[in-house]
């Protein structure tokens, strides 16, 4: 987790330096807010801890709005029955039904358990 925080800090420091170097120092407040939001996502991702089994794979139509009105895209989702009894829905990254998955605290990747 420390390594991820150091990388996060270095990236946002470089962005802040570049923004200042190009004469946009009035935008540093926005850079700070963006950095805090990204820090919240990083902490959430790194502290998440769960394990479960893929119980269903479904394709669903998802509407994504844009300036031209939007578009509908078919996305494949994996439904994971967690060890605490809840069901988690996430975009399928090549998982198959019956596969056991684990997300460990402090890691960004989801492991496949054999």
Protein backbone atom coordinates (compact mmCIF):
# COMPACT_ATOMS: atom_id res chain seq x y z
CA UNK A 1 0.00 0.00 0.00
CA UNK A 2 2.90 2.35 0.77
CA UNK A 3 4.27 1.81 -2.74
CA UNK A 4 0.90 2.73 -4.29
CA UNK A 5 0.65 5.86 -2.16
CA UNK A 6 4.17 6.93 -3.16
CA UNK A 7 3.36 6.42 -6.83
CA UNK A 8 0.09 8.36 -6.39
CA UNK A 9 1.95 11.23 -4.67
CA UNK A 10 4.68 11.36 -7.33
CA UNK A 11 2.18 11.41 -10.22
CA UNK A 12 0.13 14.23 -8.70
CA UNK A 13 3.28 16.16 -7.81
CA UNK A 14 4.43 15.98 -11.43
CA UNK A 15 0.99 17.09 -12.63
CA UNK A 16 1.02 20.06 -10.22
CA UNK A 17 4.53 21.06 -11.33
CA UNK A 18 3.56 20.85 -15.01
CA UNK A 19 0.39 22.89 -14.46
CA UNK A 20 2.43 25.58 -12.70
CA UNK A 21 5.21 25.48 -15.30
CA UNK A 22 2.78 26.14 -18.14
CA UNK A 23 1.35 29.16 -16.34
CA UNK A 24 -1.92 27.69 -15.12
CA UNK A 25 -1.25 28.11 -11.40
CA UNK A 26 -4.87 29.20 -10.87
CA UNK A 27 -5.85 25.59 -11.75
CA UNK A 28 -3.87 24.11 -8.85
CA UNK A 29 -7.01 24.02 -6.68
CA UNK A 30 -8.68 21.78 -9.25
CA UNK A 31 -5.61 19.59 -9.41
CA UNK A 32 -5.73 19.25 -5.61
CA UNK A 33 -9.40 18.28 -5.66
CA UNK A 34 -8.78 15.71 -8.41
CA UNK A 35 -5.86 14.32 -6.39
CA UNK A 36 -8.06 13.91 -3.29
CA UNK A 37 -10.80 12.19 -5.28
CA UNK A 38 -8.27 9.80 -6.82
CA UNK A 39 -6.83 9.15 -3.34
CA UNK A 40 -10.29 8.12 -2.10
CA UNK A 41 -10.64 5.65 -4.99
CA UNK A 42 -7.13 4.30 -4.37
CA UNK A 43 -7.78 3.75 -0.65
CA UNK A 44 -11.14 2.08 -1.39
CA UNK A 45 -9.56 -0.22 -3.96
CA UNK A 46 -6.63 -1.14 -1.73
CA UNK A 47 -8.70 -1.81 1.42
CA UNK A 48 -11.34 -3.91 -0.35
CA UNK A 49 -11.22 -7.56 0.76
CA UNK A 50 -13.53 -10.32 -0.48
CA UNK A 51 -13.70 -13.84 -1.90
CA UNK A 52 -16.40 -15.70 -3.75
CA UNK A 53 -17.44 -17.85 -6.68
CA UNK A 54 -18.70 -16.83 -10.11
CA UNK A 55 -22.29 -18.07 -10.28
CA UNK A 56 -23.56 -16.44 -13.47
CA UNK A 57 -22.35 -14.63 -16.59
CA UNK A 58 -24.85 -12.29 -18.29
CA UNK A 59 -24.75 -9.89 -21.21
CA UNK A 60 -26.63 -6.64 -20.62
CA UNK A 61 -27.29 -3.57 -22.73
CA UNK A 62 -25.85 -0.48 -21.06
CA UNK A 63 -26.70 3.06 -22.21
CA UNK A 64 -23.83 5.54 -22.18
CA UNK A 65 -24.89 9.17 -22.75
CA UNK A 66 -22.74 11.62 -24.72
CA UNK A 67 -23.12 14.91 -26.61
CA UNK A 68 -24.86 13.18 -29.55
CA UNK A 69 -27.51 11.60 -27.33
CA UNK A 70 -25.72 8.42 -26.34
CA UNK A 71 -25.17 4.87 -27.39
CA UNK A 72 -26.17 1.43 -26.17
CA UNK A 73 -23.39 -1.09 -25.66
CA UNK A 74 -23.64 -4.79 -24.79
CA UNK A 75 -21.40 -5.61 -21.83
CA UNK A 76 -20.76 -8.98 -20.21
CA UNK A 77 -21.07 -9.05 -16.41
CA UNK A 78 -19.99 -11.70 -13.91
CA UNK A 79 -22.14 -12.25 -10.83
CA UNK A 80 -20.06 -13.40 -7.86
CA UNK A 81 -21.56 -15.03 -4.77
CA UNK A 82 -19.40 -13.72 -1.93
CA UNK A 83 -18.47 -15.75 1.15
CA UNK A 84 -20.67 -13.44 3.28
CA UNK A 85 -23.75 -14.38 1.21
CA UNK A 86 -24.00 -11.18 -0.84
CA UNK A 87 -23.77 -11.03 -4.62
CA UNK A 88 -21.28 -8.78 -6.41
CA UNK A 89 -21.78 -7.68 -10.02
CA UNK A 90 -18.70 -6.71 -12.00
CA UNK A 91 -17.59 -6.49 -15.59
CA UNK A 92 -16.45 -9.92 -16.77
CA UNK A 93 -12.69 -10.09 -17.27
CA UNK A 94 -12.68 -13.60 -18.77
CA UNK A 95 -14.09 -15.36 -15.73
CA UNK A 96 -16.12 -18.55 -16.12
CA UNK A 97 -18.96 -19.95 -14.02
CA UNK A 98 -17.66 -21.92 -11.04
CA UNK A 99 -14.35 -20.06 -10.86
CA UNK A 100 -13.31 -18.96 -7.36
CA UNK A 101 -12.02 -15.39 -7.02
CA UNK A 102 -10.28 -13.52 -4.23
CA UNK A 103 -9.49 -9.82 -3.73
CA UNK A 104 -6.92 -9.37 -0.95
CA UNK A 105 -6.46 -6.25 1.13
CA UNK A 106 -3.51 -4.19 -0.09
CA UNK A 107 -3.59 -5.63 -3.61
CA UNK A 108 -5.20 -4.12 -6.69
CA UNK A 109 -5.63 -7.37 -8.63
CA UNK A 110 -8.30 -10.04 -8.27
CA UNK A 111 -6.81 -13.54 -7.94
CA UNK A 112 -8.22 -16.73 -9.40
CA UNK A 113 -8.09 -19.52 -6.80
CA UNK A 114 -7.51 -23.03 -8.09
